Amino acid sequence: MLNKIKWTLYAVLVLGLFAFLHWSLPHYDVARILDTEIKRQAVETENAQGETVTRTEDVRYISTARPDGSVYVYRNQDTGWGWPPYFKFDSANLAAEADNHSSTKENPEWYFIEHYGWRFTLLSMFPNAIEITPAEGPDETIVPWFNIAVYALVLGLLIYLRWRIRRGLSSAADEIADT
């Protein structure tokens, strides 16, 4: 029973780590840019005295259409120096670039939208667009070599740590048995 609990906890931790990586690492979607907009939102923060303060900030959005015709919206917000470390300070420039690249169904122009995060319609969560680059067509894809390398590195590290822990525990048990 204890072994099942240990493996379940281990699996939950590993899945949580990989979900965090999936949210943080960049993804690429091919889309046609439709429009951009700015919405002013109220944000509650704590000041230095611990009081709740409401301030407003502009949040930009990029509306797109995917090759299958479905629509998809990206948030376009600076990450600054925070997590994930994309050091994005140019959301206004990205909005202008998106406006410049908007196209129609009759004369579509396809672009890769590099982004991180997930889209949850129920929670009004949007992935954050990082960069827009031209695509040759709606069927073009980018192989995410960086993401593959990070996943492989983390998986290798987890396997190595598991092996070291098991080896350390078995050698400690052998030392106890020898005394």
N, C-alpha and C. Protein backbone atom coordinates (compact mmCIF):
# COMPACT_ATOMS: atom_id res chain seq x y z
N MET A 1 0.83 -1.21 0.00
CA MET A 1 0.00 0.00 0.00
C MET A 1 0.87 1.26 0.00
N LEU A 2 1.90 1.26 0.84
CA LEU A 2 2.79 2.40 0.93
C LEU A 2 3.52 2.63 -0.39
N ASN A 3 3.85 1.54 -1.08
CA ASN A 3 4.53 1.64 -2.37
C ASN A 3 3.62 2.31 -3.41
N LYS A 4 2.32 1.98 -3.41
CA LYS A 4 1.37 2.61 -4.34
C LYS A 4 1.23 4.10 -4.07
N ILE A 5 1.19 4.46 -2.80
CA ILE A 5 1.09 5.88 -2.44
C ILE A 5 2.33 6.63 -2.90
N LYS A 6 3.51 6.02 -2.69
CA LYS A 6 4.77 6.65 -3.10
C LYS A 6 4.80 6.86 -4.61
N TRP A 7 4.39 5.84 -5.39
CA TRP A 7 4.41 5.97 -6.85
C TRP A 7 3.36 6.96 -7.35
N THR A 8 2.22 7.00 -6.69
CA THR A 8 1.19 7.97 -7.05
C THR A 8 1.68 9.39 -6.81
N LEU A 9 2.30 9.62 -5.64
CA LEU A 9 2.84 10.94 -5.34
C LEU A 9 3.93 11.31 -6.32
N TYR A 10 4.79 10.37 -6.66
CA TYR A 10 5.86 10.61 -7.63
C TYR A 10 5.27 10.97 -8.99
N ALA A 11 4.24 10.23 -9.43
CA ALA A 11 3.61 10.51 -10.73
C ALA A 11 2.94 11.88 -10.74
N VAL A 12 2.28 12.26 -9.65
CA VAL A 12 1.62 13.57 -9.58
C VAL A 12 2.66 14.68 -9.64
N LEU A 13 3.78 14.53 -8.94
CA LEU A 13 4.84 15.54 -8.98
C LEU A 13 5.44 15.67 -10.38
N VAL A 14 5.70 14.54 -11.03
CA VAL A 14 6.27 14.57 -12.38
C VAL A 14 5.28 15.19 -13.36
N LEU A 15 4.01 14.81 -13.29
CA LEU A 15 3.01 15.40 -14.18
C LEU A 15 2.86 16.90 -13.92
N GLY A 16 2.91 17.31 -12.66
CA GLY A 16 2.85 18.74 -12.33
C GLY A 16 4.03 19.51 -12.91
N LEU A 17 5.23 18.91 -12.82
CA LEU A 17 6.42 19.54 -13.38
C LEU A 17 6.30 19.69 -14.89
N PHE A 18 5.85 18.63 -15.57
CA PHE A 18 5.73 18.71 -17.02
C PHE A 18 4.59 19.64 -17.45
N ALA A 19 3.51 19.73 -16.66
CA ALA A 19 2.45 20.70 -16.96
C ALA A 19 2.98 22.12 -16.83
N PHE A 20 3.78 22.37 -15.79
CA PHE A 20 4.39 23.68 -15.60
C PHE A 20 5.30 24.02 -16.78
N LEU A 21 6.11 23.05 -17.22
CA LEU A 21 6.98 23.27 -18.37
C LEU A 21 6.17 23.53 -19.63
N HIS A 22 5.09 22.77 -19.83
CA HIS A 22 4.25 22.95 -21.02
C HIS A 22 3.64 24.35 -21.03
N TRP A 23 3.23 24.84 -19.88
CA TRP A 23 2.67 26.18 -19.80
C TRP A 23 3.74 27.23 -20.09
N SER A 24 4.96 27.02 -19.59
CA SER A 24 6.02 28.03 -19.66
C SER A 24 6.78 28.07 -20.99
N LEU A 25 6.91 26.93 -21.66
CA LEU A 25 7.73 26.87 -22.87
C LEU A 25 6.97 27.42 -24.08
N PRO A 26 7.67 27.92 -25.08
CA PRO A 26 7.00 28.53 -26.23
C PRO A 26 6.32 27.50 -27.14
N HIS A 27 5.22 27.90 -27.73
CA HIS A 27 4.48 27.09 -28.70
C HIS A 27 4.26 27.97 -29.94
N TYR A 28 4.02 27.32 -31.07
CA TYR A 28 3.86 28.04 -32.33
C TYR A 28 2.56 27.61 -33.00
N ASP A 29 1.70 28.57 -33.29
CA ASP A 29 0.45 28.31 -34.01
C ASP A 29 0.50 29.06 -35.32
N VAL A 30 -0.02 28.43 -36.38
CA VAL A 30 -0.18 29.13 -37.66
C VAL A 30 -1.57 29.74 -37.66
N ALA A 31 -1.64 31.02 -37.97
CA ALA A 31 -2.93 31.71 -37.96
C ALA A 31 -2.90 32.91 -38.89
N ARG A 32 -4.10 33.35 -39.20
CA ARG A 32 -4.30 34.58 -39.96
C ARG A 32 -4.75 35.64 -38.97
N ILE A 33 -4.10 36.79 -38.96
CA ILE A 33 -4.41 37.83 -37.99
C ILE A 33 -5.63 38.62 -38.45
N LEU A 34 -6.59 38.76 -37.56
CA LEU A 34 -7.83 39.47 -37.88
C LEU A 34 -7.82 40.90 -37.38
N ASP A 35 -7.47 41.07 -36.09
CA ASP A 35 -7.63 42.39 -35.48
C ASP A 35 -6.87 42.42 -34.15
N THR A 36 -6.70 43.62 -33.62
CA THR A 36 -6.16 43.78 -32.27
C THR A 36 -7.08 44.73 -31.51
N GLU A 37 -7.05 44.62 -30.19
CA GLU A 37 -7.82 45.54 -29.37
C GLU A 37 -7.14 45.72 -28.03
N ILE A 38 -7.51 46.79 -27.35
CA ILE A 38 -6.99 47.08 -26.02
C ILE A 38 -8.16 47.17 -25.07
N LYS A 39 -8.04 46.47 -23.93
CA LYS A 39 -9.07 46.54 -22.88
C LYS A 39 -8.41 47.02 -21.60
N ARG A 40 -9.08 47.94 -20.94
CA ARG A 40 -8.59 48.42 -19.64
C ARG A 40 -9.19 47.51 -18.57
N GLN A 41 -8.30 46.99 -17.70
CA GLN A 41 -8.74 46.07 -16.65
C GLN A 41 -8.30 46.59 -15.29
N ALA A 42 -9.13 46.35 -14.29
CA ALA A 42 -8.79 46.70 -12.91
C ALA A 42 -8.01 45.54 -12.30
N VAL A 43 -6.91 45.87 -11.63
CA VAL A 43 -6.07 44.86 -11.00
C VAL A 43 -5.88 45.23 -9.54
N GLU A 44 -6.14 44.27 -8.64
CA GLU A 44 -5.95 44.51 -7.23
C GLU A 44 -4.57 44.03 -6.80
N THR A 45 -3.83 44.91 -6.11
CA THR A 45 -2.51 44.56 -5.60
C THR A 45 -2.39 45.08 -4.17
N GLU A 46 -1.36 44.62 -3.48
CA GLU A 46 -1.09 45.12 -2.14
C GLU A 46 0.03 46.13 -2.19
N ASN A 47 -0.15 47.23 -1.45
CA ASN A 47 0.92 48.23 -1.39
C ASN A 47 1.87 47.87 -0.25
N ALA A 48 2.86 48.71 0.00
CA ALA A 48 3.87 48.44 1.03
C ALA A 48 3.28 48.36 2.43
N GLN A 49 2.16 49.02 2.66
CA GLN A 49 1.52 48.99 3.98
C GLN A 49 0.59 47.79 4.15
N GLY A 50 0.46 46.94 3.12
CA GLY A 50 -0.40 45.76 3.20
C GLY A 50 -1.84 46.04 2.84
N GLU A 51 -2.13 47.22 2.34
CA GLU A 51 -3.50 47.58 1.96
C GLU A 51 -3.76 47.14 0.53
N THR A 52 -5.00 46.74 0.25
CA THR A 52 -5.38 46.37 -1.10
C THR A 52 -5.66 47.63 -1.91
N VAL A 53 -4.97 47.74 -3.03
CA VAL A 53 -5.10 48.91 -3.89
C VAL A 53 -5.54 48.45 -5.27
N THR A 54 -6.49 49.16 -5.86
CA THR A 54 -6.95 48.84 -7.20
C THR A 54 -6.31 49.83 -8.18
N ARG A 55 -5.69 49.28 -9.20
CA ARG A 55 -5.11 50.11 -10.26
C ARG A 55 -5.60 49.56 -11.59
N THR A 56 -5.47 50.33 -12.63
CA THR A 56 -5.90 49.88 -13.95
C THR A 56 -4.69 49.68 -14.85
N GLU A 57 -4.83 48.75 -15.77
CA GLU A 57 -3.78 48.53 -16.76
C GLU A 57 -4.42 48.15 -18.09
N ASP A 58 -3.72 48.47 -19.15
CA ASP A 58 -4.18 48.12 -20.49
C ASP A 58 -3.69 46.72 -20.83
N VAL A 59 -4.61 45.91 -21.34
CA VAL A 59 -4.24 44.58 -21.82
C VAL A 59 -4.60 44.51 -23.29
N ARG A 60 -3.64 44.15 -24.10
CA ARG A 60 -3.85 44.06 -25.55
C ARG A 60 -4.21 42.62 -25.92
N TYR A 61 -5.01 42.48 -26.96
CA TYR A 61 -5.42 41.17 -27.47
C TYR A 61 -5.22 41.13 -28.98
N ILE A 62 -4.87 39.95 -29.48
CA ILE A 62 -4.72 39.73 -30.91
C ILE A 62 -5.72 38.65 -31.31
N SER A 63 -6.66 39.00 -32.18
CA SER A 63 -7.65 38.03 -32.67
C SER A 63 -7.13 37.40 -33.95
N THR A 64 -7.25 36.07 -34.03
CA THR A 64 -6.73 35.35 -35.20
C THR A 64 -7.76 34.33 -35.68
N ALA A 65 -7.51 33.82 -36.87
CA ALA A 65 -8.29 32.71 -37.43
C ALA A 65 -7.30 31.62 -37.81
N ARG A 66 -7.59 30.41 -37.42
CA ARG A 66 -6.72 29.28 -37.73
C ARG A 66 -7.07 28.74 -39.12
N PRO A 67 -6.20 27.90 -39.68
CA PRO A 67 -6.47 27.37 -41.03
C PRO A 67 -7.80 26.62 -41.16
N ASP A 68 -8.29 26.01 -40.05
CA ASP A 68 -9.56 25.30 -40.12
C ASP A 68 -10.77 26.23 -40.00
N GLY A 69 -10.51 27.53 -39.84
CA GLY A 69 -11.59 28.51 -39.77
C GLY A 69 -11.97 28.91 -38.36
N SER A 70 -11.50 28.18 -37.35
CA SER A 70 -11.83 28.53 -35.97
C SER A 70 -11.06 29.78 -35.56
N VAL A 71 -11.65 30.53 -34.65
CA VAL A 71 -11.01 31.76 -34.18
C VAL A 71 -10.27 31.49 -32.87
N TYR A 72 -9.25 32.28 -32.62
CA TYR A 72 -8.43 32.11 -31.43
C TYR A 72 -7.91 33.47 -31.02
N VAL A 73 -7.91 33.76 -29.74
CA VAL A 73 -7.48 35.06 -29.23
C VAL A 73 -6.26 34.88 -28.34
N TYR A 74 -5.28 35.76 -28.53
CA TYR A 74 -4.07 35.76 -27.71
C TYR A 74 -4.02 37.05 -26.90
N ARG A 75 -3.56 36.94 -25.68
CA ARG A 75 -3.25 38.12 -24.88
C ARG A 75 -1.89 38.62 -25.37
N ASN A 76 -1.68 39.91 -25.31
CA ASN A 76 -0.41 40.51 -25.72
C ASN A 76 0.03 41.43 -24.60
N GLN A 77 0.73 40.86 -23.62
CA GLN A 77 1.09 41.60 -22.43
C GLN A 77 2.58 41.43 -22.15
N ASP A 78 3.22 42.48 -21.68
CA ASP A 78 4.64 42.39 -21.35
C ASP A 78 4.86 41.43 -20.19
N THR A 79 5.93 40.64 -20.28
CA THR A 79 6.30 39.76 -19.16
C THR A 79 7.28 40.46 -18.24
N GLY A 80 7.95 41.48 -18.76
CA GLY A 80 8.93 42.19 -17.94
C GLY A 80 10.04 41.27 -17.48
N TRP A 81 10.40 41.38 -16.21
CA TRP A 81 11.47 40.57 -15.64
C TRP A 81 10.91 39.34 -14.93
N GLY A 82 9.59 39.11 -15.00
CA GLY A 82 8.96 38.01 -14.27
C GLY A 82 9.04 36.68 -14.97
N TRP A 83 8.21 35.74 -14.49
CA TRP A 83 8.17 34.40 -15.06
C TRP A 83 7.06 34.31 -16.07
N PRO A 84 7.21 33.62 -17.15
CA PRO A 84 8.42 33.00 -17.66
C PRO A 84 9.37 34.04 -18.21
N PRO A 85 10.65 33.75 -18.23
CA PRO A 85 11.66 34.78 -18.54
C PRO A 85 11.81 35.07 -20.03
N TYR A 86 10.77 35.62 -20.64
CA TYR A 86 10.85 36.02 -22.04
C TYR A 86 11.33 37.46 -22.20
N PHE A 87 11.37 38.21 -21.10
CA PHE A 87 11.83 39.59 -21.09
C PHE A 87 11.15 40.41 -22.19
N LYS A 88 9.84 40.28 -22.25
CA LYS A 88 9.05 40.96 -23.28
C LYS A 88 8.64 42.34 -22.77
N PHE A 89 9.09 43.36 -23.46
CA PHE A 89 8.78 44.74 -23.11
C PHE A 89 8.14 45.49 -24.27
N ASP A 90 7.74 44.76 -25.34
CA ASP A 90 7.32 45.42 -26.57
C ASP A 90 5.89 45.08 -27.00
N SER A 91 4.97 44.98 -26.05
CA SER A 91 3.61 44.60 -26.43
C SER A 91 2.96 45.63 -27.35
N ALA A 92 3.29 46.90 -27.20
CA ALA A 92 2.73 47.91 -28.09
C ALA A 92 3.26 47.72 -29.51
N ASN A 93 4.55 47.41 -29.65
CA ASN A 93 5.11 47.16 -30.97
C ASN A 93 4.52 45.90 -31.60
N LEU A 94 4.33 44.86 -30.79
CA LEU A 94 3.74 43.62 -31.31
C LEU A 94 2.30 43.86 -31.77
N ALA A 95 1.56 44.70 -31.05
CA ALA A 95 0.20 45.05 -31.47
C ALA A 95 0.21 45.79 -32.80
N ALA A 96 1.14 46.72 -32.96
CA ALA A 96 1.25 47.46 -34.23
C ALA A 96 1.64 46.51 -35.36
N GLU A 97 2.56 45.59 -35.07
CA GLU A 97 2.96 44.61 -36.08
C GLU A 97 1.78 43.72 -36.47
N ALA A 98 0.99 43.29 -35.48
CA ALA A 98 -0.19 42.47 -35.77
C ALA A 98 -1.20 43.25 -36.60
N ASP A 99 -1.43 44.51 -36.27
CA ASP A 99 -2.34 45.35 -37.08
C ASP A 99 -1.85 45.46 -38.52
N ASN A 100 -0.56 45.58 -38.68
CA ASN A 100 0.04 45.71 -40.00
C ASN A 100 -0.11 44.42 -40.81
N HIS A 101 -0.19 43.27 -40.15
CA HIS A 101 -0.25 41.99 -40.85
C HIS A 101 -1.66 41.41 -40.95
N SER A 102 -2.69 42.16 -40.59
CA SER A 102 -4.04 41.61 -40.67
C SER A 102 -4.41 41.35 -42.13
N SER A 103 -5.19 40.27 -42.32
CA SER A 103 -5.57 39.90 -43.69
C SER A 103 -7.00 39.38 -43.70
N THR A 104 -7.52 39.18 -44.90
CA THR A 104 -8.90 38.73 -45.09
C THR A 104 -8.93 37.27 -45.53
N LYS A 105 -10.13 36.69 -45.51
CA LYS A 105 -10.31 35.31 -45.99
C LYS A 105 -9.95 35.18 -47.46
N GLU A 106 -10.29 36.22 -48.23
CA GLU A 106 -10.07 36.19 -49.67
C GLU A 106 -8.58 36.26 -50.03
N ASN A 107 -7.81 36.98 -49.23
CA ASN A 107 -6.39 37.15 -49.49
C ASN A 107 -5.61 36.89 -48.18
N PRO A 108 -5.56 35.62 -47.73
CA PRO A 108 -4.98 35.33 -46.42
C PRO A 108 -3.45 35.42 -46.40
N GLU A 109 -2.94 35.94 -45.31
CA GLU A 109 -1.51 35.93 -45.02
C GLU A 109 -1.35 35.15 -43.72
N TRP A 110 -0.49 34.13 -43.73
CA TRP A 110 -0.34 33.25 -42.58
C TRP A 110 0.91 33.60 -41.79
N TYR A 111 0.77 33.54 -40.47
CA TYR A 111 1.87 33.88 -39.58
C TYR A 111 1.96 32.85 -38.46
N PHE A 112 3.19 32.67 -37.98
CA PHE A 112 3.39 31.90 -36.76
C PHE A 112 3.20 32.85 -35.59
N ILE A 113 2.37 32.45 -34.66
CA ILE A 113 2.20 33.20 -33.43
C ILE A 113 2.93 32.41 -32.35
N GLU A 114 4.06 32.92 -31.90
CA GLU A 114 4.79 32.27 -30.81
C GLU A 114 4.15 32.73 -29.51
N HIS A 115 3.84 31.79 -28.63
CA HIS A 115 3.15 32.13 -27.39
C HIS A 115 3.50 31.14 -26.30
N TYR A 116 3.13 31.48 -25.09
CA TYR A 116 3.19 30.54 -23.97
C TYR A 116 1.86 30.63 -23.24
N GLY A 117 1.57 29.60 -22.46
CA GLY A 117 0.32 29.60 -21.69
C GLY A 117 -0.75 28.78 -22.37
N TRP A 118 -1.89 28.73 -21.72
CA TRP A 118 -3.02 27.93 -22.19
C TRP A 118 -4.25 28.82 -22.36
N ARG A 119 -5.19 28.32 -23.14
CA ARG A 119 -6.47 29.00 -23.33
C ARG A 119 -7.55 28.24 -22.58
N PHE A 120 -8.14 28.88 -21.58
CA PHE A 120 -9.28 28.35 -20.85
C PHE A 120 -10.43 29.32 -21.04
N THR A 121 -11.38 28.96 -21.88
CA THR A 121 -12.51 29.84 -22.18
C THR A 121 -13.33 30.11 -20.93
N LEU A 122 -13.56 29.08 -20.12
CA LEU A 122 -14.37 29.22 -18.92
C LEU A 122 -13.78 30.23 -17.94
N LEU A 123 -12.46 30.29 -17.85
CA LEU A 123 -11.79 31.20 -16.92
C LEU A 123 -11.31 32.49 -17.59
N SER A 124 -11.62 32.68 -18.85
CA SER A 124 -11.15 33.83 -19.64
C SER A 124 -9.64 33.98 -19.57
N MET A 125 -8.94 32.84 -19.68
CA MET A 125 -7.47 32.84 -19.73
C MET A 125 -7.03 32.73 -21.18
N PHE A 126 -6.03 33.53 -21.54
CA PHE A 126 -5.53 33.55 -22.90
C PHE A 126 -4.02 33.29 -22.89
N PRO A 127 -3.51 32.58 -23.89
CA PRO A 127 -2.06 32.47 -24.01
C PRO A 127 -1.47 33.83 -24.38
N ASN A 128 -0.25 34.09 -23.95
CA ASN A 128 0.39 35.38 -24.19
C ASN A 128 1.27 35.30 -25.43
N ALA A 129 0.97 36.11 -26.43
CA ALA A 129 1.76 36.15 -27.67
C ALA A 129 3.11 36.80 -27.39
N ILE A 130 4.15 36.21 -27.97
CA ILE A 130 5.50 36.72 -27.78
C ILE A 130 6.04 37.34 -29.06
N GLU A 131 5.79 36.65 -30.18
CA GLU A 131 6.36 37.10 -31.44
C GLU A 131 5.49 36.65 -32.60
N ILE A 132 5.53 37.41 -33.69
CA ILE A 132 4.82 37.07 -34.92
C ILE A 132 5.84 36.98 -36.04
N THR A 133 5.86 35.84 -36.75
CA THR A 133 6.78 35.69 -37.89
C THR A 133 6.01 35.11 -39.06
N PRO A 134 6.37 35.47 -40.28
CA PRO A 134 5.65 34.98 -41.46
C PRO A 134 5.76 33.46 -41.62
N ALA A 135 4.68 32.85 -42.09
CA ALA A 135 4.67 31.41 -42.43
C ALA A 135 4.42 31.31 -43.93
N GLU A 136 4.95 30.27 -44.53
CA GLU A 136 4.79 30.10 -45.98
C GLU A 136 3.37 29.72 -46.36
N GLY A 137 2.66 29.09 -45.43
CA GLY A 137 1.29 28.70 -45.71
C GLY A 137 0.65 28.11 -44.47
N PRO A 138 -0.63 27.75 -44.57
CA PRO A 138 -1.35 27.26 -43.40
C PRO A 138 -0.89 25.88 -42.93
N ASP A 139 -0.18 25.14 -43.78
CA ASP A 139 0.24 23.79 -43.42
C ASP A 139 1.67 23.74 -42.86
N GLU A 140 2.36 24.85 -42.83
CA GLU A 140 3.75 24.86 -42.35
C GLU A 140 3.77 24.65 -40.83
N THR A 141 4.77 23.92 -40.36
CA THR A 141 4.93 23.69 -38.93
C THR A 141 6.37 23.99 -38.52
N ILE A 142 6.54 24.21 -37.25
CA ILE A 142 7.87 24.40 -36.66
C ILE A 142 8.08 23.28 -35.67
N VAL A 143 9.20 22.58 -35.78
CA VAL A 143 9.54 21.55 -34.80
C VAL A 143 10.15 22.26 -33.60
N PRO A 144 9.54 22.11 -32.42
CA PRO A 144 10.03 22.84 -31.23
C PRO A 144 11.25 22.15 -30.61
N TRP A 145 12.41 22.27 -31.25
CA TRP A 145 13.61 21.58 -30.79
C TRP A 145 14.00 22.01 -29.39
N PHE A 146 13.85 23.28 -29.07
CA PHE A 146 14.19 23.74 -27.73
C PHE A 146 13.33 23.05 -26.69
N ASN A 147 12.01 22.97 -26.94
CA ASN A 147 11.11 22.31 -25.99
C ASN A 147 11.47 20.83 -25.83
N ILE A 148 11.76 20.17 -26.95
CA ILE A 148 12.13 18.76 -26.91
C ILE A 148 13.39 18.57 -26.07
N ALA A 149 14.38 19.44 -26.26
CA ALA A 149 15.61 19.35 -25.49
C ALA A 149 15.36 19.57 -24.00
N VAL A 150 14.51 20.54 -23.66
CA VAL A 150 14.21 20.80 -22.24
C VAL A 150 13.50 19.60 -21.63
N TYR A 151 12.48 19.06 -22.32
CA TYR A 151 11.77 17.88 -21.80
C TYR A 151 12.72 16.70 -21.62
N ALA A 152 13.60 16.46 -22.59
CA ALA A 152 14.55 15.35 -22.51
C ALA A 152 15.52 15.56 -21.35
N LEU A 153 16.00 16.80 -21.18
CA LEU A 153 16.92 17.10 -20.09
C LEU A 153 16.26 16.88 -18.73
N VAL A 154 15.05 17.37 -18.57
CA VAL A 154 14.33 17.21 -17.30
C VAL A 154 14.02 15.74 -17.04
N LEU A 155 13.58 15.02 -18.07
CA LEU A 155 13.31 13.59 -17.90
C LEU A 155 14.57 12.83 -17.52
N GLY A 156 15.69 13.14 -18.19
CA GLY A 156 16.96 12.50 -17.85
C GLY A 156 17.37 12.82 -16.42
N LEU A 157 17.18 14.06 -16.00
CA LEU A 157 17.51 14.46 -14.63
C LEU A 157 16.64 13.71 -13.62
N LEU A 158 15.36 13.57 -13.91
CA LEU A 158 14.47 12.84 -13.02
C LEU A 158 14.87 11.36 -12.91
N ILE A 159 15.21 10.76 -14.03
CA ILE A 159 15.64 9.36 -14.01
C ILE A 159 16.94 9.23 -13.22
N TYR A 160 17.87 10.14 -13.43
CA TYR A 160 19.14 10.10 -12.70
C TYR A 160 18.90 10.27 -11.20
N LEU A 161 18.06 11.23 -10.80
CA LEU A 161 17.77 11.45 -9.38
C LEU A 161 17.11 10.23 -8.76
N ARG A 162 16.18 9.64 -9.48
CA ARG A 162 15.51 8.42 -8.98
C ARG A 162 16.53 7.30 -8.77
N TRP A 163 17.44 7.14 -9.72
CA TRP A 163 18.48 6.12 -9.62
C TRP A 163 19.41 6.40 -8.44
N ARG A 164 19.81 7.68 -8.27
CA ARG A 164 20.70 8.05 -7.16
C ARG A 164 20.04 7.82 -5.81
N ILE A 165 18.76 8.16 -5.72
CA ILE A 165 18.04 7.96 -4.46
C ILE A 165 17.95 6.47 -4.14
N ARG A 166 17.58 5.68 -5.13
CA ARG A 166 17.47 4.22 -4.90
C ARG A 166 18.83 3.64 -4.54
N ARG A 167 19.88 4.07 -5.21
CA ARG A 167 21.24 3.57 -4.94
C ARG A 167 21.69 3.99 -3.55
N GLY A 168 21.39 5.24 -3.21
CA GLY A 168 21.76 5.73 -1.89
C GLY A 168 21.02 5.01 -0.78
N LEU A 169 19.73 4.75 -0.99
CA LEU A 169 18.95 4.04 0.01
C LEU A 169 19.41 2.60 0.17
N SER A 170 19.72 1.94 -0.96
CA SER A 170 20.15 0.54 -0.87
C SER A 170 21.52 0.43 -0.22
N SER A 171 22.44 1.39 -0.49
CA SER A 171 23.75 1.32 0.15
C SER A 171 23.64 1.66 1.63
N ALA A 172 22.74 2.56 2.00
CA ALA A 172 22.51 2.86 3.41
C ALA A 172 21.92 1.64 4.13
N ALA A 173 21.01 0.93 3.46
CA ALA A 173 20.41 -0.27 4.05
C ALA A 173 21.47 -1.36 4.20
N ASP A 174 22.39 -1.47 3.23
CA ASP A 174 23.47 -2.45 3.32
C ASP A 174 24.40 -2.14 4.50
N GLU A 175 24.70 -0.85 4.71
CA GLU A 175 25.55 -0.46 5.83
C GLU A 175 24.89 -0.78 7.17
N ILE A 176 23.60 -0.55 7.26
CA ILE A 176 22.87 -0.85 8.49
C ILE A 176 22.86 -2.36 8.74
N ALA A 177 22.66 -3.13 7.67
CA ALA A 177 22.63 -4.59 7.80
C ALA A 177 23.99 -5.15 8.20
N ASP A 178 25.07 -4.50 7.76
CA ASP A 178 26.42 -4.99 8.08
C ASP A 178 26.79 -4.75 9.54
N THR A 179 26.15 -3.80 10.22
CA THR A 179 26.52 -3.51 11.61
C THR A 179 25.84 -4.38 12.60
